[in-house]
């Protein structure tokens, strides 16, 4: 089974389970800047809805390019961590994979622009 993770948008998480090219189940989760809180529970609910469990995942595909800096990183970090923990391959949505020095695959994000991380105007008093 393949787990597909897309957190490339700031307001949405898209998850899917596939068997080869066949879509088993998909889930869209409203997540306005809350991917960190909703991604893992969303994966758990997706697996339970498919009457499956995490041990049946044999590959992860994660979207590695998109509009949100933090949202994108959350999806990629989660995919990489699950891949490492389950000892399964992780691929980017453009079908690329980087082998680390420790013999597991990792995905790196591709940002469309530099992150805009500044101190909030409300904090500048």
N, C-alpha and C. Protein backbone atom coordinates (compact mmCIF):
# COMPACT_ATOMS: atom_id res chain seq x y z
N UNK A 1 0.84 -1.17 0.00
CA UNK A 1 0.00 0.00 0.00
C UNK A 1 0.89 1.24 0.00
N UNK A 2 0.45 2.27 -0.68
CA UNK A 2 1.18 3.53 -0.79
C UNK A 2 0.42 4.62 -0.05
N UNK A 3 1.12 5.38 0.77
CA UNK A 3 0.56 6.54 1.44
C UNK A 3 1.02 7.78 0.68
N UNK A 4 0.06 8.60 0.28
CA UNK A 4 0.35 9.84 -0.43
C UNK A 4 0.03 11.00 0.50
N UNK A 5 0.99 11.92 0.67
CA UNK A 5 0.83 13.07 1.57
C UNK A 5 1.04 14.36 0.79
N UNK A 6 0.10 15.28 0.90
CA UNK A 6 0.23 16.58 0.25
C UNK A 6 -0.14 17.68 1.26
N UNK A 7 0.86 18.40 1.71
CA UNK A 7 0.65 19.57 2.58
C UNK A 7 1.17 20.83 1.89
N UNK A 8 1.11 20.84 0.57
CA UNK A 8 1.69 21.94 -0.20
C UNK A 8 0.87 23.23 -0.15
N UNK A 9 -0.34 23.16 0.36
CA UNK A 9 -1.18 24.36 0.47
C UNK A 9 -1.32 24.73 1.95
N UNK A 10 -1.45 26.02 2.20
CA UNK A 10 -1.53 26.50 3.58
C UNK A 10 -2.84 26.15 4.28
N UNK A 11 -3.88 25.81 3.50
CA UNK A 11 -5.19 25.62 4.10
C UNK A 11 -5.75 24.21 3.97
N UNK A 12 -4.93 23.26 3.50
CA UNK A 12 -5.46 21.94 3.19
C UNK A 12 -4.39 20.85 3.33
N UNK A 13 -4.83 19.71 3.82
CA UNK A 13 -4.01 18.50 3.78
C UNK A 13 -4.76 17.51 2.91
N UNK A 14 -4.06 16.91 1.96
CA UNK A 14 -4.65 15.87 1.12
C UNK A 14 -3.89 14.59 1.40
N UNK A 15 -4.63 13.54 1.76
CA UNK A 15 -4.04 12.23 2.02
C UNK A 15 -4.74 11.20 1.15
N UNK A 16 -3.98 10.19 0.73
CA UNK A 16 -4.58 9.11 -0.05
C UNK A 16 -3.85 7.81 0.23
N UNK A 17 -4.59 6.73 0.10
CA UNK A 17 -4.02 5.39 0.15
C UNK A 17 -4.24 4.77 -1.22
N UNK A 18 -3.18 4.18 -1.77
CA UNK A 18 -3.27 3.56 -3.08
C UNK A 18 -2.69 2.15 -3.02
N UNK A 19 -3.20 1.32 -3.88
CA UNK A 19 -2.62 0.00 -4.11
C UNK A 19 -2.24 -0.01 -5.58
N UNK A 20 -0.95 0.14 -5.86
CA UNK A 20 -0.52 0.34 -7.24
C UNK A 20 -1.08 1.65 -7.75
N UNK A 21 -1.81 1.62 -8.85
CA UNK A 21 -2.45 2.83 -9.39
C UNK A 21 -3.89 2.98 -8.91
N UNK A 22 -4.39 2.00 -8.16
CA UNK A 22 -5.77 2.03 -7.70
C UNK A 22 -5.90 2.84 -6.41
N UNK A 23 -6.79 3.82 -6.43
CA UNK A 23 -7.07 4.63 -5.25
C UNK A 23 -7.97 3.85 -4.31
N UNK A 24 -7.51 3.65 -3.09
CA UNK A 24 -8.29 2.94 -2.08
C UNK A 24 -9.18 3.93 -1.34
N UNK A 25 -8.57 5.02 -0.87
CA UNK A 25 -9.30 6.00 -0.08
C UNK A 25 -8.54 7.31 -0.09
N UNK A 26 -9.26 8.42 -0.08
CA UNK A 26 -8.62 9.73 0.01
C UNK A 26 -9.34 10.57 1.04
N UNK A 27 -8.62 11.55 1.56
CA UNK A 27 -9.19 12.41 2.61
C UNK A 27 -8.62 13.81 2.44
N UNK A 28 -9.50 14.79 2.47
CA UNK A 28 -9.09 16.20 2.46
C UNK A 28 -9.41 16.76 3.83
N UNK A 29 -8.44 17.44 4.42
CA UNK A 29 -8.61 17.98 5.77
C UNK A 29 -8.36 19.49 5.72
N UNK A 30 -9.36 20.25 6.15
CA UNK A 30 -9.18 21.70 6.27
C UNK A 30 -8.13 21.94 7.35
N UNK A 31 -7.11 22.72 7.01
CA UNK A 31 -6.00 22.90 7.95
C UNK A 31 -5.36 24.27 7.77
N UNK A 32 -6.10 25.32 8.01
CA UNK A 32 -5.56 26.67 7.86
C UNK A 32 -4.41 26.87 8.83
N UNK A 33 -3.20 26.72 8.36
CA UNK A 33 -1.98 26.85 9.15
C UNK A 33 -1.97 25.92 10.37
N UNK A 34 -2.56 24.74 10.24
CA UNK A 34 -2.59 23.80 11.37
C UNK A 34 -2.22 22.39 10.94
N UNK A 35 -1.35 22.29 9.94
CA UNK A 35 -0.93 20.97 9.45
C UNK A 35 -0.24 20.15 10.54
N UNK A 36 0.53 20.78 11.38
CA UNK A 36 1.26 20.06 12.43
C UNK A 36 0.32 19.35 13.38
N UNK A 37 -0.80 19.97 13.70
CA UNK A 37 -1.76 19.37 14.63
C UNK A 37 -2.65 18.32 13.97
N UNK A 38 -2.83 18.42 12.65
CA UNK A 38 -3.83 17.58 11.98
C UNK A 38 -3.26 16.46 11.12
N UNK A 39 -1.99 16.50 10.76
CA UNK A 39 -1.47 15.53 9.80
C UNK A 39 -1.44 14.10 10.36
N UNK A 40 -0.78 13.87 11.47
CA UNK A 40 -0.71 12.50 12.00
C UNK A 40 -2.07 11.95 12.41
N UNK A 41 -2.92 12.72 13.09
CA UNK A 41 -4.28 12.19 13.35
C UNK A 41 -5.04 11.90 12.05
N UNK A 42 -4.80 12.70 11.02
CA UNK A 42 -5.45 12.48 9.73
C UNK A 42 -5.00 11.18 9.08
N UNK A 43 -3.70 10.89 9.17
CA UNK A 43 -3.18 9.63 8.63
C UNK A 43 -3.79 8.45 9.40
N UNK A 44 -3.86 8.59 10.71
CA UNK A 44 -4.44 7.53 11.54
C UNK A 44 -5.90 7.27 11.16
N UNK A 45 -6.68 8.33 11.00
CA UNK A 45 -8.09 8.20 10.63
C UNK A 45 -8.24 7.60 9.23
N UNK A 46 -7.37 7.99 8.31
CA UNK A 46 -7.40 7.45 6.95
C UNK A 46 -7.17 5.94 6.98
N UNK A 47 -6.17 5.51 7.72
CA UNK A 47 -5.87 4.08 7.82
C UNK A 47 -7.02 3.31 8.47
N UNK A 48 -7.58 3.87 9.55
CA UNK A 48 -8.70 3.20 10.22
C UNK A 48 -9.93 3.13 9.31
N UNK A 49 -10.17 4.18 8.54
CA UNK A 49 -11.31 4.18 7.61
C UNK A 49 -11.14 3.13 6.51
N UNK A 50 -9.91 2.82 6.18
CA UNK A 50 -9.61 1.81 5.17
C UNK A 50 -9.46 0.42 5.79
N UNK A 51 -9.76 0.31 7.08
CA UNK A 51 -9.58 -0.96 7.81
C UNK A 51 -8.17 -1.49 7.64
N UNK A 52 -7.20 -0.60 7.79
CA UNK A 52 -5.80 -0.95 7.61
C UNK A 52 -4.99 -0.41 8.77
N UNK A 53 -3.70 -0.66 8.72
CA UNK A 53 -2.81 -0.09 9.74
C UNK A 53 -1.49 0.31 9.09
N UNK A 54 -0.71 1.01 9.85
CA UNK A 54 0.53 1.62 9.34
C UNK A 54 1.53 0.59 8.85
N UNK A 55 1.49 -0.62 9.40
CA UNK A 55 2.43 -1.67 9.00
C UNK A 55 2.23 -2.12 7.55
N UNK A 56 1.07 -1.83 6.99
CA UNK A 56 0.78 -2.24 5.61
C UNK A 56 1.30 -1.24 4.58
N UNK A 57 1.76 -0.09 5.03
CA UNK A 57 2.31 0.90 4.11
C UNK A 57 3.70 0.44 3.68
N UNK A 58 3.91 0.36 2.38
CA UNK A 58 5.18 -0.11 1.83
C UNK A 58 5.96 0.98 1.09
N UNK A 59 5.32 2.15 0.92
CA UNK A 59 5.96 3.26 0.20
C UNK A 59 5.20 4.53 0.56
N UNK A 60 5.93 5.64 0.62
CA UNK A 60 5.31 6.95 0.86
C UNK A 60 5.69 7.88 -0.29
N UNK A 61 4.71 8.60 -0.78
CA UNK A 61 4.96 9.65 -1.78
C UNK A 61 4.50 10.95 -1.14
N UNK A 62 5.37 11.97 -1.17
CA UNK A 62 5.05 13.25 -0.55
C UNK A 62 5.29 14.38 -1.56
N UNK A 63 4.37 15.32 -1.59
CA UNK A 63 4.53 16.50 -2.44
C UNK A 63 5.63 17.36 -1.82
N UNK A 64 6.62 17.73 -2.62
CA UNK A 64 7.77 18.46 -2.09
C UNK A 64 7.92 19.87 -2.64
N UNK A 65 6.89 20.41 -3.25
CA UNK A 65 6.93 21.78 -3.76
C UNK A 65 5.54 22.38 -3.59
N UNK A 66 5.48 23.63 -3.15
CA UNK A 66 4.17 24.24 -2.97
C UNK A 66 4.23 25.64 -2.44
N UNK A 67 3.09 26.12 -1.99
CA UNK A 67 2.99 27.53 -1.62
C UNK A 67 3.42 27.84 -0.20
N UNK A 68 3.25 26.92 0.72
CA UNK A 68 3.51 27.22 2.12
C UNK A 68 4.83 26.65 2.61
N UNK A 69 5.67 27.49 3.17
CA UNK A 69 6.98 27.06 3.68
C UNK A 69 6.83 26.07 4.82
N UNK A 70 6.12 26.44 5.86
CA UNK A 70 5.98 25.58 7.04
C UNK A 70 5.11 24.37 6.74
N UNK A 71 4.00 24.56 6.05
CA UNK A 71 3.11 23.45 5.71
C UNK A 71 3.85 22.39 4.91
N UNK A 72 4.64 22.82 3.95
CA UNK A 72 5.41 21.89 3.12
C UNK A 72 6.41 21.11 3.96
N UNK A 73 7.11 21.80 4.83
CA UNK A 73 8.09 21.14 5.70
C UNK A 73 7.45 20.10 6.61
N UNK A 74 6.26 20.38 7.11
CA UNK A 74 5.58 19.45 8.01
C UNK A 74 5.28 18.13 7.28
N UNK A 75 4.77 18.22 6.08
CA UNK A 75 4.48 17.01 5.30
C UNK A 75 5.73 16.22 4.98
N UNK A 76 6.78 16.92 4.59
CA UNK A 76 8.03 16.24 4.21
C UNK A 76 8.71 15.62 5.42
N UNK A 77 8.76 16.35 6.51
CA UNK A 77 9.37 15.82 7.73
C UNK A 77 8.60 14.58 8.21
N UNK A 78 7.29 14.64 8.17
CA UNK A 78 6.47 13.50 8.60
C UNK A 78 6.72 12.30 7.69
N UNK A 79 6.74 12.52 6.39
CA UNK A 79 7.00 11.42 5.44
C UNK A 79 8.38 10.81 5.68
N UNK A 80 9.39 11.65 5.85
CA UNK A 80 10.75 11.16 6.09
C UNK A 80 10.82 10.37 7.40
N UNK A 81 10.18 10.87 8.44
CA UNK A 81 10.21 10.18 9.75
C UNK A 81 9.49 8.84 9.68
N UNK A 82 8.32 8.82 9.03
CA UNK A 82 7.60 7.55 8.89
C UNK A 82 8.40 6.56 8.04
N UNK A 83 9.00 7.05 6.97
CA UNK A 83 9.82 6.17 6.12
C UNK A 83 10.96 5.56 6.91
N UNK A 84 11.62 6.37 7.71
CA UNK A 84 12.72 5.88 8.53
C UNK A 84 12.22 4.87 9.57
N UNK A 85 11.14 5.22 10.27
CA UNK A 85 10.61 4.35 11.33
C UNK A 85 10.10 3.03 10.78
N UNK A 86 9.48 3.05 9.61
CA UNK A 86 8.91 1.84 9.02
C UNK A 86 9.89 1.12 8.10
N UNK A 87 11.05 1.75 7.87
CA UNK A 87 12.07 1.21 6.97
C UNK A 87 11.49 0.96 5.56
N UNK A 88 10.82 2.00 5.04
CA UNK A 88 10.23 1.94 3.71
C UNK A 88 10.70 3.13 2.89
N UNK A 89 10.66 3.04 1.56
CA UNK A 89 11.12 4.16 0.73
C UNK A 89 10.14 5.33 0.73
N UNK A 90 10.72 6.52 0.62
CA UNK A 90 9.94 7.75 0.51
C UNK A 90 10.36 8.42 -0.79
N UNK A 91 9.38 8.80 -1.58
CA UNK A 91 9.63 9.46 -2.86
C UNK A 91 8.92 10.80 -2.88
N UNK A 92 9.49 11.74 -3.62
CA UNK A 92 8.82 13.02 -3.84
C UNK A 92 7.78 12.83 -4.93
N UNK A 93 6.88 13.78 -5.06
CA UNK A 93 5.84 13.70 -6.07
C UNK A 93 6.40 13.73 -7.49
N UNK A 94 7.64 14.23 -7.64
CA UNK A 94 8.28 14.19 -8.95
C UNK A 94 9.16 12.94 -9.09
N UNK A 95 8.93 11.96 -8.22
CA UNK A 95 9.55 10.63 -8.28
C UNK A 95 11.06 10.67 -8.06
N UNK A 96 11.52 11.56 -7.20
CA UNK A 96 12.94 11.63 -6.88
C UNK A 96 13.16 11.16 -5.45
N UNK A 97 14.35 10.70 -5.22
CA UNK A 97 14.71 10.15 -3.92
C UNK A 97 16.19 10.41 -3.70
N UNK A 98 16.56 10.76 -2.48
CA UNK A 98 17.97 10.96 -2.14
C UNK A 98 18.32 9.95 -1.06
N UNK A 99 19.36 9.20 -1.30
CA UNK A 99 19.84 8.26 -0.28
C UNK A 99 20.72 9.01 0.70
N UNK A 100 20.47 8.83 1.97
CA UNK A 100 21.31 9.46 2.99
C UNK A 100 22.52 8.58 3.27
N UNK A 101 23.42 9.07 4.06
CA UNK A 101 24.60 8.29 4.45
C UNK A 101 24.23 7.10 5.32
N UNK A 102 23.02 7.08 5.82
CA UNK A 102 22.59 6.02 6.73
C UNK A 102 21.69 5.00 6.05
N UNK A 103 21.69 4.97 4.71
CA UNK A 103 21.00 3.98 3.91
C UNK A 103 19.48 4.05 4.01
N UNK A 104 18.93 5.22 4.14
CA UNK A 104 17.49 5.40 4.00
C UNK A 104 17.25 6.63 3.13
N UNK A 105 16.10 6.67 2.49
CA UNK A 105 15.82 7.76 1.57
C UNK A 105 15.23 8.96 2.31
N UNK A 106 15.53 10.14 1.80
CA UNK A 106 14.97 11.37 2.34
C UNK A 106 14.48 12.24 1.19
N UNK A 107 13.55 13.07 1.50
CA UNK A 107 13.03 14.03 0.53
C UNK A 107 13.34 15.43 1.05
N UNK A 108 13.77 16.28 0.16
CA UNK A 108 14.04 17.67 0.51
C UNK A 108 12.99 18.56 -0.14
N UNK A 109 12.57 19.62 0.54
CA UNK A 109 11.57 20.52 -0.04
C UNK A 109 12.16 21.39 -1.14
N UNK A 110 11.31 21.77 -2.07
CA UNK A 110 11.67 22.73 -3.12
C UNK A 110 10.77 23.95 -2.91
N UNK A 111 11.36 25.02 -2.45
CA UNK A 111 10.57 26.21 -2.16
C UNK A 111 10.50 27.09 -3.39
N UNK A 112 9.33 27.68 -3.63
CA UNK A 112 9.14 28.54 -4.78
C UNK A 112 9.68 29.94 -4.54
N UNK A 113 9.87 30.28 -3.26
CA UNK A 113 10.43 31.58 -2.92
C UNK A 113 11.08 31.47 -1.55
N UNK A 114 11.82 32.47 -1.18
CA UNK A 114 12.45 32.48 0.14
C UNK A 114 11.39 32.60 1.23
N UNK A 115 11.58 31.93 2.35
CA UNK A 115 10.59 32.03 3.43
C UNK A 115 10.53 33.45 3.99
N UNK A 116 9.34 33.86 4.37
CA UNK A 116 9.13 35.17 4.97
C UNK A 116 8.89 34.97 6.46
N UNK A 117 9.96 34.82 7.20
CA UNK A 117 9.89 34.56 8.63
C UNK A 117 10.40 35.79 9.34
N UNK A 118 9.46 36.54 9.91
CA UNK A 118 9.84 37.78 10.59
C UNK A 118 9.14 37.85 11.93
N UNK A 119 9.54 38.83 12.72
CA UNK A 119 8.87 39.07 13.98
C UNK A 119 7.53 39.72 13.71
N UNK A 120 6.49 39.23 14.35
CA UNK A 120 5.15 39.78 14.17
C UNK A 120 5.14 41.27 14.52
N UNK A 121 4.36 42.04 13.77
CA UNK A 121 4.24 43.48 14.04
C UNK A 121 3.64 43.71 15.41
N UNK A 122 2.81 42.79 15.88
CA UNK A 122 2.20 42.92 17.21
C UNK A 122 3.23 42.78 18.32
N UNK A 123 4.31 42.07 18.04
CA UNK A 123 5.34 41.89 19.05
C UNK A 123 6.35 43.04 19.10
N UNK A 124 6.35 43.88 18.08
CA UNK A 124 7.27 45.01 18.01
C UNK A 124 6.67 46.22 18.72
N UNK A 125 6.67 46.23 20.01
CA UNK A 125 6.08 47.37 20.75
C UNK A 125 7.12 48.06 21.55
